[in-house]
C-alpha cells in the first residue's frame, strides 16, 4: 500500500500539470481560431465598406461633373441674355429714331397742307 500511496503522490501532481498544460494549449488553439475568424470577418466588413465608399465617391464625382456642366450652361445663358438685352436696346434706339423721323415728316406734311 505504501508503494501505491507513493506512486499517487507523484502521479497526482503530474496529471494536474499535464491537465493544466493541455488546458492552456487547447485554450490557445481556440483563441487563435476565433481571432483568425474575427480578423477574416473584420476584413470582409472593411472590404464591403471600402467598396460602398468607392460607389459613394463615384456618385459624388458624377454630381460634381453635372454641376460644372450646368454652371457652364448658365454662364452661357447669361452671356446670351446680355447680348439680347444689348441688341434690344439698340433696336429700341433705332425705333425711337424712326418714330421721330415719322413724326417730323407728319408735322411737315400738315404744315404744308
PDB file of N, CA and C in Angstrom:
ATOM      1  N   UNK A   1       0.816  -1.177   0.000  1.00  0.00           N
ATOM      2  CA  UNK A   1       0.000   0.000   0.000  1.00  0.00           C
ATOM      3  C   UNK A   1       0.867   1.250   0.000  1.00  0.00           C
ATOM      4  N   UNK A   2       2.012   1.116   0.676  1.00  0.00           N
ATOM      5  CA  UNK A   2       2.924   2.232   0.733  1.00  0.00           C
ATOM      6  C   UNK A   2       3.415   2.608  -0.665  1.00  0.00           C
ATOM      7  N   UNK A   3       3.617   1.626  -1.453  1.00  0.00           N
ATOM      8  CA  UNK A   3       4.101   1.835  -2.816  1.00  0.00           C
ATOM      9  C   UNK A   3       3.040   2.537  -3.649  1.00  0.00           C
ATOM     10  N   UNK A   4       1.796   2.141  -3.510  1.00  0.00           N
ATOM     11  CA  UNK A   4       0.703   2.777  -4.247  1.00  0.00           C
ATOM     12  C   UNK A   4       0.518   4.206  -3.780  1.00  0.00           C
ATOM     13  N   UNK A   5       0.646   4.422  -2.510  1.00  0.00           N
ATOM     14  CA  UNK A   5       0.489   5.765  -1.979  1.00  0.00           C
ATOM     15  C   UNK A   5       1.638   6.647  -2.470  1.00  0.00           C
ATOM     16  N   UNK A   6       2.812   6.149  -2.531  1.00  0.00           N
ATOM     17  CA  UNK A   6       3.964   6.902  -3.030  1.00  0.00           C
ATOM     18  C   UNK A   6       3.807   7.223  -4.505  1.00  0.00           C
ATOM     19  N   UNK A   7       3.272   6.272  -5.275  1.00  0.00           N
ATOM     20  CA  UNK A   7       3.055   6.499  -6.701  1.00  0.00           C
ATOM     21  C   UNK A   7       1.982   7.557  -6.907  1.00  0.00           C
ATOM     22  N   UNK A   8       0.937   7.512  -6.097  1.00  0.00           N
ATOM     23  CA  UNK A   8      -0.126   8.514  -6.212  1.00  0.00           C
ATOM     24  C   UNK A   8       0.399   9.897  -5.860  1.00  0.00           C
ATOM     25  N   UNK A   9       1.327   9.948  -4.949  1.00  0.00           N
ATOM     26  CA  UNK A   9       1.895  11.225  -4.559  1.00  0.00           C
ATOM     27  C   UNK A   9       2.578  11.885  -5.745  1.00  0.00           C
ATOM     28  N   UNK A  10       3.169  11.090  -6.599  1.00  0.00           N
ATOM     29  CA  UNK A  10       3.834  11.646  -7.773  1.00  0.00           C
ATOM     30  C   UNK A  10       2.883  11.793  -8.964  1.00  0.00           C
ATOM     31  N   UNK A  11       1.936  10.868  -9.100  1.00  0.00           N
ATOM     32  CA  UNK A  11       1.042  10.881 -10.263  1.00  0.00           C
ATOM     33  C   UNK A  11       0.032  12.035 -10.209  1.00  0.00           C
ATOM     34  N   UNK A  12      -0.487  12.355  -9.084  1.00  0.00           N
ATOM     35  CA  UNK A  12      -1.495  13.423  -8.981  1.00  0.00           C
ATOM     36  C   UNK A  12      -0.919  14.754  -9.450  1.00  0.00           C
ATOM     37  N   UNK A  13       0.263  15.164  -8.960  1.00  0.00           N
ATOM     38  CA  UNK A  13       0.801  16.427  -9.449  1.00  0.00           C
ATOM     39  C   UNK A  13       1.149  16.374 -10.934  1.00  0.00           C
ATOM     40  N   UNK A  14       1.629  15.199 -11.389  1.00  0.00           N
ATOM     41  CA  UNK A  14       1.971  15.087 -12.823  1.00  0.00           C
ATOM     42  C   UNK A  14       0.720  15.233 -13.665  1.00  0.00           C
ATOM     43  N   UNK A  15      -0.366  14.539 -13.301  1.00  0.00           N
ATOM     44  CA  UNK A  15      -1.617  14.667 -14.055  1.00  0.00           C
ATOM     45  C   UNK A  15      -2.199  16.076 -13.939  1.00  0.00           C
ATOM     46  N   UNK A  16      -2.029  16.697 -12.792  1.00  0.00           N
ATOM     47  CA  UNK A  16      -2.501  18.077 -12.622  1.00  0.00           C
ATOM     48  C   UNK A  16      -1.742  19.014 -13.560  1.00  0.00           C
ATOM     49  N   UNK A  17      -0.424  18.817 -13.607  1.00  0.00           N
ATOM     50  CA  UNK A  17       0.390  19.660 -14.502  1.00  0.00           C
ATOM     51  C   UNK A  17       0.038  19.390 -15.951  1.00  0.00           C
ATOM     52  N   UNK A  18      -0.097  18.115 -16.339  1.00  0.00           N
ATOM     53  CA  UNK A  18      -0.477  17.780 -17.719  1.00  0.00           C
ATOM     54  C   UNK A  18      -1.859  18.344 -18.064  1.00  0.00           C
ATOM     55  N   UNK A  19      -2.782  18.261 -17.138  1.00  0.00           N
ATOM     56  CA  UNK A  19      -4.127  18.812 -17.361  1.00  0.00           C
ATOM     57  C   UNK A  19      -4.086  20.318 -17.544  1.00  0.00           C
ATOM     58  N   UNK A  20      -3.288  20.992 -16.728  1.00  0.00           N
ATOM     59  CA  UNK A  20      -3.157  22.448 -16.841  1.00  0.00           C
ATOM     60  C   UNK A  20      -2.518  22.829 -18.171  1.00  0.00           C
ATOM     61  N   UNK A  21      -1.448  22.100 -18.541  1.00  0.00           N
ATOM     62  CA  UNK A  21      -0.760  22.395 -19.814  1.00  0.00           C
ATOM     63  C   UNK A  21      -1.697  22.143 -20.990  1.00  0.00           C
ATOM     64  N   UNK A  22      -2.437  21.036 -20.973  1.00  0.00           N
ATOM     65  CA  UNK A  22      -3.358  20.749 -22.077  1.00  0.00           C
ATOM     66  C   UNK A  22      -4.491  21.780 -22.123  1.00  0.00           C
ATOM     67  N   UNK A  23      -4.953  22.256 -20.970  1.00  0.00           N
ATOM     68  CA  UNK A  23      -5.992  23.300 -20.952  1.00  0.00           C
ATOM     69  C   UNK A  23      -5.457  24.588 -21.562  1.00  0.00           C
ATOM     70  N   UNK A  24      -4.205  24.914 -21.223  1.00  0.00           N
ATOM     71  CA  UNK A  24      -3.587  26.122 -21.798  1.00  0.00           C
ATOM     72  C   UNK A  24      -3.453  25.977 -23.309  1.00  0.00           C
ATOM     73  N   UNK A  25      -2.994  24.821 -23.776  1.00  0.00           N
ATOM     74  CA  UNK A  25      -2.816  24.595 -25.214  1.00  0.00           C
ATOM     75  C   UNK A  25      -4.166  24.648 -25.931  1.00  0.00           C
ATOM     76  N   UNK A  26      -5.163  23.964 -25.407  1.00  0.00           N
ATOM     77  CA  UNK A  26      -6.488  23.982 -26.034  1.00  0.00           C
ATOM     78  C   UNK A  26      -7.096  25.389 -26.021  1.00  0.00           C
ATOM     79  N   UNK A  27      -6.892  26.108 -24.934  1.00  0.00           N
ATOM     80  CA  UNK A  27      -7.380  27.492 -24.877  1.00  0.00           C
ATOM     81  C   UNK A  27      -6.694  28.363 -25.912  1.00  0.00           C
ATOM     82  N   UNK A  28      -5.413  28.189 -26.074  1.00  0.00           N
ATOM     83  CA  UNK A  28      -4.652  28.978 -27.063  1.00  0.00           C
ATOM     84  C   UNK A  28      -5.103  28.644 -28.483  1.00  0.00           C
ATOM     85  N   UNK A  29      -5.318  27.359 -28.762  1.00  0.00           N
ATOM     86  CA  UNK A  29      -5.779  26.949 -30.099  1.00  0.00           C
ATOM     87  C   UNK A  29      -7.162  27.544 -30.381  1.00  0.00           C
ATOM     88  N   UNK A  30      -8.041  27.474 -29.415  1.00  0.00           N
ATOM     89  CA  UNK A  30      -9.388  28.037 -29.598  1.00  0.00           C
ATOM     90  C   UNK A  30      -9.313  29.542 -29.798  1.00  0.00           C
ATOM     91  N   UNK A  31      -8.471  30.218 -29.022  1.00  0.00           N
ATOM     92  CA  UNK A  31      -8.306  31.667 -29.166  1.00  0.00           C
ATOM     93  C   UNK A  31      -7.768  32.015 -30.546  1.00  0.00           C
ATOM     94  N   UNK A  32      -6.768  31.252 -31.002  1.00  0.00           N
ATOM     95  CA  UNK A  32      -6.175  31.505 -32.320  1.00  0.00           C
ATOM     96  C   UNK A  32      -7.204  31.330 -33.422  1.00  0.00           C
ATOM     97  N   UNK A  33      -7.997  30.268 -33.319  1.00  0.00           N
ATOM     98  CA  UNK A  33      -9.009  30.015 -34.345  1.00  0.00           C
ATOM     99  C   UNK A  33     -10.062  31.129 -34.339  1.00  0.00           C
ATOM    100  N   UNK A  34     -10.503  31.533 -33.165  1.00  0.00           N
ATOM    101  CA  UNK A  34     -11.520  32.580 -33.051  1.00  0.00           C
ATOM    102  C   UNK A  34     -10.988  33.912 -33.544  1.00  0.00           C
ATOM    103  N   UNK A  35      -9.754  34.236 -33.172  1.00  0.00           N
ATOM    104  CA  UNK A  35      -9.209  35.523 -33.607  1.00  0.00           C
ATOM    105  C   UNK A  35      -9.007  35.533 -35.112  1.00  0.00           C
ATOM    106  N   UNK A  36      -8.617  34.400 -35.701  1.00  0.00           N
ATOM    107  CA  UNK A  36      -8.467  34.323 -37.158  1.00  0.00           C
ATOM    108  C   UNK A  36      -9.813  34.555 -37.831  1.00  0.00           C
ATOM    109  N   UNK A  37     -10.847  33.923 -37.303  1.00  0.00           N
ATOM    110  CA  UNK A  37     -12.194  34.109 -37.856  1.00  0.00           C
ATOM    111  C   UNK A  37     -12.641  35.561 -37.693  1.00  0.00           C
ATOM    112  N   UNK A  38     -12.337  36.155 -36.543  1.00  0.00           N
ATOM    113  CA  UNK A  38     -12.693  37.555 -36.315  1.00  0.00           C
ATOM    114  C   UNK A  38     -11.974  38.465 -37.300  1.00  0.00           C
ATOM    115  N   UNK A  39     -10.681  38.203 -37.532  1.00  0.00           N
ATOM    116  CA  UNK A  39      -9.925  39.028 -38.476  1.00  0.00           C
ATOM    117  C   UNK A  39     -10.469  38.891 -39.889  1.00  0.00           C
ATOM    118  N   UNK A  40     -10.822  37.656 -40.278  1.00  0.00           N
ATOM    119  CA  UNK A  40     -11.392  37.449 -41.613  1.00  0.00           C
ATOM    120  C   UNK A  40     -12.717  38.190 -41.752  1.00  0.00           C
ATOM    121  N   UNK A  41     -13.555  38.097 -40.728  1.00  0.00           N
ATOM    122  CA  UNK A  41     -14.853  38.768 -40.747  1.00  0.00           C
ATOM    123  C   UNK A  41     -14.671  40.275 -40.812  1.00  0.00           C
ATOM    124  N   UNK A  42     -13.744  40.782 -40.006  1.00  0.00           N
ATOM    125  CA  UNK A  42     -13.484  42.220 -39.998  1.00  0.00           C
ATOM    126  C   UNK A  42     -12.936  42.671 -41.345  1.00  0.00           C
ATOM    127  N   UNK A  43     -12.081  41.851 -41.944  1.00  0.00           N
ATOM    128  CA  UNK A  43     -11.541  42.173 -43.266  1.00  0.00           C
ATOM    129  C   UNK A  43     -12.632  42.235 -44.320  1.00  0.00           C
ATOM    130  N   UNK A  44     -13.563  41.273 -44.261  1.00  0.00           N
ATOM    131  CA  UNK A  44     -14.680  41.288 -45.213  1.00  0.00           C
ATOM    132  C   UNK A  44     -15.533  42.531 -45.019  1.00  0.00           C
ATOM    133  N   UNK A  45     -15.824  42.864 -43.768  1.00  0.00           N
ATOM    134  CA  UNK A  45     -16.627  44.055 -43.476  1.00  0.00           C
ATOM    135  C   UNK A  45     -15.927  45.313 -43.968  1.00  0.00           C
ATOM    136  N   UNK A  46     -14.620  45.398 -43.730  1.00  0.00           N
ATOM    137  CA  UNK A  46     -13.867  46.558 -44.208  1.00  0.00           C
ATOM    138  C   UNK A  46     -13.880  46.631 -45.725  1.00  0.00           C
ATOM    139  N   UNK A  47     -13.789  45.476 -46.379  1.00  0.00           N
ATOM    140  CA  UNK A  47     -13.850  45.449 -47.843  1.00  0.00           C
ATOM    141  C   UNK A  47     -15.184  45.950 -48.356  1.00  0.00           C
ATOM    142  N   UNK A  48     -16.255  45.519 -47.720  1.00  0.00           N
ATOM    143  CA  UNK A  48     -17.592  45.973 -48.127  1.00  0.00           C
ATOM    144  C   UNK A  48     -17.720  47.480 -47.926  1.00  0.00           C
ATOM    145  N   UNK A  49     -17.243  47.961 -46.792  1.00  0.00           N
ATOM    146  CA  UNK A  49     -17.321  49.400 -46.504  1.00  0.00           C
ATOM    147  C   UNK A  49     -16.518  50.192 -47.527  1.00  0.00           C
ATOM    148  N   UNK A  50     -15.313  49.733 -47.849  1.00  0.00           N
ATOM    149  CA  UNK A  50     -14.486  50.441 -48.826  1.00  0.00           C
ATOM    150  C   UNK A  50     -15.137  50.430 -50.204  1.00  0.00           C
ATOM    151  N   UNK A  51     -15.766  49.316 -50.559  1.00  0.00           N
ATOM    152  CA  UNK A  51     -16.469  49.256 -51.844  1.00  0.00           C
ATOM    153  C   UNK A  51     -17.616  50.250 -51.877  1.00  0.00           C
ATOM    154  N   UNK A  52     -18.388  50.285 -50.808  1.00  0.00           N
ATOM    155  CA  UNK A  52     -19.513  51.228 -50.743  1.00  0.00           C
ATOM    156  C   UNK A  52     -19.009  52.668 -50.788  1.00  0.00           C
ATOM    157  N   UNK A  53     -17.914  52.964 -50.088  1.00  0.00           N
ATOM    158  CA  UNK A  53     -17.346  54.306 -50.131  1.00  0.00           C
ATOM    159  C   UNK A  53     -16.904  54.657 -51.545  1.00  0.00           C
ATOM    160  N   UNK A  54     -16.375  53.680 -52.257  1.00  0.00           N
ATOM    161  CA  UNK A  54     -15.986  53.908 -53.653  1.00  0.00           C
ATOM    162  C   UNK A  54     -17.188  54.282 -54.500  1.00  0.00           C
ATOM    163  N   UNK A  55     -18.316  53.571 -54.287  1.00  0.00           N
ATOM    164  CA  UNK A  55     -19.537  53.896 -55.027  1.00  0.00           C
ATOM    165  C   UNK A  55     -20.029  55.294 -54.686  1.00  0.00           C
ATOM    166  N   UNK A  56     -19.978  55.658 -53.412  1.00  0.00           N
ATOM    167  CA  UNK A  56     -20.422  56.989 -52.983  1.00  0.00           C
ATOM    168  C   UNK A  56     -19.526  58.056 -53.609  1.00  0.00           C
ATOM    169  N   UNK A  57     -18.212  57.839 -53.589  1.00  0.00           N
ATOM    170  CA  UNK A  57     -17.271  58.799 -54.172  1.00  0.00           C
ATOM    171  C   UNK A  57     -17.534  58.961 -55.670  1.00  0.00           C
ATOM    172  N   UNK A  58     -17.780  57.849 -56.341  1.00  0.00           N
ATOM    173  CA  UNK A  58     -18.074  57.899 -57.770  1.00  0.00           C
ATOM    174  C   UNK A  58     -19.349  58.699 -58.028  1.00  0.00           C
ATOM    175  N   UNK A  59     -20.362  58.485 -57.196  1.00  0.00           N
ATOM    176  CA  UNK A  59     -21.613  59.240 -57.344  1.00  0.00           C
ATOM    177  C   UNK A  59     -21.403  60.725 -57.116  1.00  0.00           C
ATOM    178  N   UNK A  60     -20.595  61.068 -56.128  1.00  0.00           N
ATOM    179  CA  UNK A  60     -20.301  62.480 -55.851  1.00  0.00           C
ATOM    180  C   UNK A  60     -19.548  63.098 -57.024  1.00  0.00           C
ATOM    181  N   UNK A  61     -18.593  62.356 -57.586  1.00  0.00           N
ATOM    182  CA  UNK A  61     -17.849  62.860 -58.748  1.00  0.00           C
ATOM    183  C   UNK A  61     -18.788  63.111 -59.923  1.00  0.00           C
ATOM    184  N   UNK A  62     -19.754  62.203 -60.144  1.00  0.00           N
ATOM    185  CA  UNK A  62     -20.737  62.394 -61.216  1.00  0.00           C
ATOM    186  C   UNK A  62     -21.560  63.655 -60.974  1.00  0.00           C
ATOM    187  N   UNK A  63     -21.987  63.858 -59.739  1.00  0.00           N
ATOM    188  CA  UNK A  63     -22.782  65.043 -59.400  1.00  0.00           C
ATOM    189  C   UNK A  63     -21.964  66.309 -59.638  1.00  0.00           C
ATOM    190  N   UNK A  64     -20.693  66.297 -59.256  1.00  0.00           N
ATOM    191  CA  UNK A  64     -19.828  67.466 -59.471  1.00  0.00           C
ATOM    192  C   UNK A  64     -19.693  67.779 -60.958  1.00  0.00           C
ATOM    193  N   UNK A  65     -19.497  66.732 -61.782  1.00  0.00           N
ATOM    194  CA  UNK A  65     -19.374  66.969 -63.226  1.00  0.00           C
ATOM    195  C   UNK A  65     -20.660  67.564 -63.791  1.00  0.00           C
ATOM    196  N   UNK A  66     -21.804  67.029 -63.364  1.00  0.00           N
ATOM    197  CA  UNK A  66     -23.083  67.565 -63.842  1.00  0.00           C
ATOM    198  C   UNK A  66     -23.256  69.013 -63.397  1.00  0.00           C
ATOM    199  N   UNK A  67     -22.872  69.302 -62.171  1.00  0.00           N
ATOM    200  CA  UNK A  67     -22.996  70.663 -61.650  1.00  0.00           C
ATOM    201  C   UNK A  67     -22.102  71.619 -62.440  1.00  0.00           C
ATOM    202  N   UNK A  68     -20.899  71.178 -62.790  1.00  0.00           N
ATOM    203  CA  UNK A  68     -19.999  72.024 -63.577  1.00  0.00           C
ATOM    204  C   UNK A  68     -20.593  72.287 -64.959  1.00  0.00           C
ATOM    205  N   UNK A  69     -21.186  71.250 -65.578  1.00  0.00           N
ATOM    206  CA  UNK A  69     -21.821  71.456 -66.894  1.00  0.00           C
ATOM    207  C   UNK A  69     -22.995  72.422 -66.786  1.00  0.00           C
ATOM    208  N   UNK A  70     -23.773  72.301 -65.703  1.00  0.00           N
ATOM    209  CA  UNK A  70     -24.898  73.219 -65.522  1.00  0.00           C
ATOM    210  C   UNK A  70     -24.404  74.644 -65.315  1.00  0.00           C
ATOM    211  N   UNK A  71     -23.317  74.806 -64.573  1.00  0.00           N
ATOM    212  CA  UNK A  71     -22.746  76.141 -64.350  1.00  0.00           C
ATOM    213  C   UNK A  71     -22.255  76.732 -65.672  1.00  0.00           C
ATOM    214  N   UNK A  72     -21.607  75.904 -66.494  1.00  0.00           N
ATOM    215  CA  UNK A  72     -21.153  76.372 -67.808  1.00  0.00           C
ATOM    216  C   UNK A  72     -22.347  76.803 -68.667  1.00  0.00           C
ATOM    217  N   UNK A  73     -23.408  75.992 -68.645  1.00  0.00           N
ATOM    218  CA  UNK A  73     -24.606  76.327 -69.421  1.00  0.00           C
ATOM    219  C   UNK A  73     -25.245  77.612 -68.905  1.00  0.00           C
ATOM    220  N   UNK A  74     -25.265  77.787 -67.583  1.00  0.00           N
ATOM    221  CA  UNK A  74     -25.844  79.003 -67.001  1.00  0.00           C
ATOM    222  C   UNK A  74     -25.038  80.230 -67.414  1.00  0.00           C
ATOM    223  N   UNK A  75     -23.716  80.127 -67.363  1.00  0.00           N
ATOM    224  CA  UNK A  75     -22.873  81.250 -67.776  1.00  0.00           C
ATOM    225  C   UNK A  75     -23.085  81.567 -69.257  1.00  0.00           C
ATOM    226  N   UNK A  76     -23.237  80.531 -70.066  1.00  0.00           N
ATOM    227  CA  UNK A  76     -23.511  80.735 -71.488  1.00  0.00           C
ATOM    228  C   UNK A  76     -24.855  81.434 -71.666  1.00  0.00           C
ATOM    229  N   UNK A  77     -25.868  81.005 -70.911  1.00  0.00           N
ATOM    230  CA  UNK A  77     -27.184  81.644 -70.991  1.00  0.00           C
ATOM    231  C   UNK A  77     -27.117  83.110 -70.559  1.00  0.00           C
ATOM    232  N   UNK A  78     -26.350  83.398 -69.505  1.00  0.00           N
ATOM    233  CA  UNK A  78     -26.223  84.780 -69.027  1.00  0.00           C
ATOM    234  C   UNK A  78     -25.590  85.652 -70.103  1.00  0.00           C
ATOM    235  N   UNK A  79     -24.552  85.148 -70.756  1.00  0.00           N
ATOM    236  CA  UNK A  79     -23.908  85.964 -71.792  1.00  0.00           C
ATOM    237  C   UNK A  79     -24.841  86.158 -72.988  1.00  0.00           C
ATOM    238  N   UNK A  80     -25.629  85.127 -73.321  1.00  0.00           N
ATOM    239  CA  UNK A  80     -26.571  85.270 -74.430  1.00  0.00           C
ATOM    240  C   UNK A  80     -27.680  86.268 -74.078  1.00  0.00           C
ATOM    241  N   UNK A  81     -28.166  86.213 -72.836  1.00  0.00           N
ATOM    242  CA  UNK A  81     -29.205  87.158 -72.406  1.00  0.00           C
ATOM    243  C   UNK A  81     -28.667  88.580 -72.450  1.00  0.00           C
ATOM    244  N   UNK A  82     -27.424  88.754 -72.016  1.00  0.00           N
ATOM    245  CA  UNK A  82     -26.800  90.077 -72.047  1.00  0.00           C
ATOM    246  C   UNK A  82     -26.715  90.588 -73.482  1.00  0.00           C
ATOM    247  N   UNK A  83     -26.348  89.721 -74.412  1.00  0.00           N
ATOM    248  CA  UNK A  83     -26.266  90.119 -75.828  1.00  0.00           C
ATOM    249  C   UNK A  83     -27.647  90.490 -76.359  1.00  0.00           C
ATOM    250  N   UNK A  84     -28.675  89.730 -75.972  1.00  0.00           N
ATOM    251  CA  UNK A  84     -30.042  90.027 -76.422  1.00  0.00           C
ATOM    252  C   UNK A  84     -30.504  91.367 -75.845  1.00  0.00           C
ATOM    253  N   UNK A  85     -30.183  91.639 -74.579  1.00  0.00           N
ATOM    254  CA  UNK A  85     -30.555  92.924 -73.973  1.00  0.00           C
ATOM    255  C   UNK A  85     -29.882  94.075 -74.706  1.00  0.00           C
ATOM    256  N   UNK A  86     -28.616  93.923 -75.030  1.00  0.00           N
ATOM    257  CA  UNK A  86     -27.889  94.971 -75.750  1.00  0.00           C
ATOM    258  C   UNK A  86     -28.492  95.191 -77.134  1.00  0.00           C
ATOM    259  N   UNK A  87     -28.792  94.098 -77.811  1.00  0.00           N
ATOM    260  CA  UNK A  87     -29.402  94.190 -79.136  1.00  0.00           C
ATOM    261  C   UNK A  87     -30.777  94.849 -79.044  1.00  0.00           C
ATOM    262  N   UNK A  88     -31.520  94.510 -77.995  1.00  0.00           N
ATOM    263  CA  UNK A  88     -32.849  95.087 -77.790  1.00  0.00           C
ATOM    264  C   UNK A  88     -32.746  96.597 -77.563  1.00  0.00           C
ATOM    265  N   UNK A  89     -31.749  97.037 -76.793  1.00  0.00           N
ATOM    266  CA  UNK A  89     -31.557  98.475 -76.565  1.00  0.00           C
ATOM    267  C   UNK A  89     -31.281  99.193 -77.874  1.00  0.00           C
ATOM    268  N   UNK A  90     -30.409  98.587 -78.688  1.00  0.00           N
ATOM    269  CA  UNK A  90     -30.088  99.187 -79.985  1.00  0.00           C
ATOM    270  C   UNK A  90     -31.330  99.250 -80.868  1.00  0.00           C
ATOM    271  N   UNK A  91     -32.135  98.196 -80.849  1.00  0.00           N
ATOM    272  CA  UNK A  91     -33.357  98.185 -81.663  1.00  0.00           C
ATOM    273  C   UNK A  91     -34.323  99.269 -81.182  1.00  0.00           C
ATOM    274  N   UNK A  92     -34.458  99.446 -79.869  1.00  0.00           N
ATOM    275  CA  UNK A  92     -35.344 100.493 -79.345  1.00  0.00           C
ATOM    276  C   UNK A  92     -34.847 101.874 -79.752  1.00  0.00           C
ATOM    277  N   UNK A  93     -33.533 102.085 -79.734  1.00  0.00           N
ATOM    278  CA  UNK A  93     -32.985 103.379 -80.168  1.00  0.00           C
ATOM    279  C   UNK A  93     -33.310 103.639 -81.632  1.00  0.00           C
ATOM    280  N   UNK A  94     -33.164 102.586 -82.464  1.00  0.00           N
ATOM    281  CA  UNK A  94     -33.483 102.756 -83.893  1.00  0.00           C
ATOM    282  C   UNK A  94     -34.975 103.016 -84.089  1.00  0.00           C
ATOM    283  N   UNK A  95     -35.814 102.313 -83.319  1.00  0.00           N
ATOM    284  CA  UNK A  95     -37.267 102.521 -83.421  1.00  0.00           C
ATOM    285  C   UNK A  95     -37.624 103.934 -82.978  1.00  0.00           C
ATOM    286  N   UNK A  96     -37.015 104.412 -81.880  1.00  0.00           N
ATOM    287  CA  UNK A  96     -37.274 105.778 -81.415  1.00  0.00           C
ATOM    288  C   UNK A  96     -36.851 106.789 -82.473  1.00  0.00           C
ATOM    289  N   UNK A  97     -35.706 106.536 -83.104  1.00  0.00           N
ATOM    290  CA  UNK A  97     -35.218 107.438 -84.155  1.00  0.00           C
ATOM    291  C   UNK A  97     -36.187 107.447 -85.334  1.00  0.00           C
ATOM    292  N   UNK A  98     -36.675 106.266 -85.715  1.00  0.00           N
ATOM    293  CA  UNK A  98     -37.636 106.187 -86.825  1.00  0.00           C
ATOM    294  C   UNK A  98     -38.950 106.880 -86.460  1.00  0.00           C
ATOM    295  N   UNK A  99     -39.407 106.744 -85.210  1.00  0.00           N
ATOM    296  CA  UNK A  99     -40.637 107.408 -84.782  1.00  0.00           C
ATOM    297  C   UNK A  99     -40.482 108.920 -84.855  1.00  0.00           C
ATOM    298  N   UNK A 100     -39.296 109.403 -84.443  1.00  0.00           N
ATOM    299  CA  UNK A 100     -39.061 110.847 -84.514  1.00  0.00           C
ATOM    300  C   UNK A 100     -39.090 111.324 -85.963  1.00  0.00           C
ATOM    301  N   UNK A 101     -38.502 110.567 -86.849  1.00  0.00           N
ATOM    302  CA  UNK A 101     -38.491 110.956 -88.264  1.00  0.00           C
ATOM    303  C   UNK A 101     -39.892 110.926 -88.855  1.00  0.00           C
ATOM    304  N   UNK A 102     -40.669 109.886 -88.475  1.00  0.00           N
ATOM    305  CA  UNK A 102     -42.041 109.782 -88.975  1.00  0.00           C
ATOM    306  C   UNK A 102     -42.865 110.947 -88.429  1.00  0.00           C
ATOM    307  N   UNK A 103     -42.707 111.255 -87.133  1.00  0.00           N
ATOM    308  CA  UNK A 103     -43.442 112.377 -86.553  1.00  0.00           C
ATOM    309  C   UNK A 103     -43.036 113.691 -87.204  1.00  0.00           C
ATOM    310  N   UNK A 104     -41.759 113.841 -87.461  1.00  0.00           N
ATOM    311  CA  UNK A 104     -41.265 115.067 -88.111  1.00  0.00           C
ATOM    312  C   UNK A 104     -41.847 115.178 -89.518  1.00  0.00           C
ATOM    313  N   UNK A 105     -41.863 114.071 -90.246  1.00  0.00           N
ATOM    314  CA  UNK A 105     -42.436 114.083 -91.601  1.00  0.00           C
ATOM    315  C   UNK A 105     -43.931 114.382 -91.544  1.00  0.00           C
ATOM    316  N   UNK A 106     -44.632 113.851 -90.565  1.00  0.00           N
ATOM    317  CA  UNK A 106     -46.064 114.108 -90.400  1.00  0.00           C
ATOM    318  C   UNK A 106     -46.298 115.583 -90.118  1.00  0.00           C
ATOM    319  N   UNK A 107     -45.453 116.142 -89.248  1.00  0.00           N
ATOM    320  CA  UNK A 107     -45.613 117.538 -88.897  1.00  0.00           C
ATOM    321  C   UNK A 107     -45.357 118.432 -90.102  1.00  0.00           C
ATOM    322  N   UNK A 108     -44.318 118.135 -90.866  1.00  0.00           N
ATOM    323  CA  UNK A 108     -44.007 118.914 -92.071  1.00  0.00           C
ATOM    324  C   UNK A 108     -45.119 118.793 -93.096  1.00  0.00           C
ATOM    325  N   UNK A 109     -45.696 117.650 -93.234  1.00  0.00           N
ATOM    326  CA  UNK A 109     -46.765 117.427 -94.194  1.00  0.00           C
ATOM    327  C   UNK A 109     -48.001 118.207 -93.807  1.00  0.00           C
ATOM    328  N   UNK A 110     -48.338 118.277 -92.505  1.00  0.00           N
ATOM    329  CA  UNK A 110     -49.510 119.023 -92.039  1.00  0.00           C
ATOM    330  C   UNK A 110     -49.267 120.529 -92.149  1.00  0.00           C
ATOM    331  N   UNK A 111     -48.033 120.974 -91.955  1.00  0.00           N
ATOM    332  CA  UNK A 111     -47.737 122.406 -92.072  1.00  0.00           C
ATOM    333  C   UNK A 111     -47.823 122.861 -93.521  1.00  0.00           C
ATOM    334  N   UNK A 112     -47.479 122.007 -94.439  1.00  0.00           N
ATOM    335  CA  UNK A 112     -47.518 122.373 -95.847  1.00  0.00           C
ATOM    336  C   UNK A 112     -48.936 122.324 -96.396  1.00  0.00           C
ATOM    337  N   UNK A 113     -49.804 121.620 -95.778  1.00  0.00           N
ATOM    338  CA  UNK A 113     -51.145 121.490 -96.320  1.00  0.00           C
ATOM    339  C   UNK A 113     -52.039 122.618 -95.915  1.00  0.00           C
TER     340      UNK A 113
END
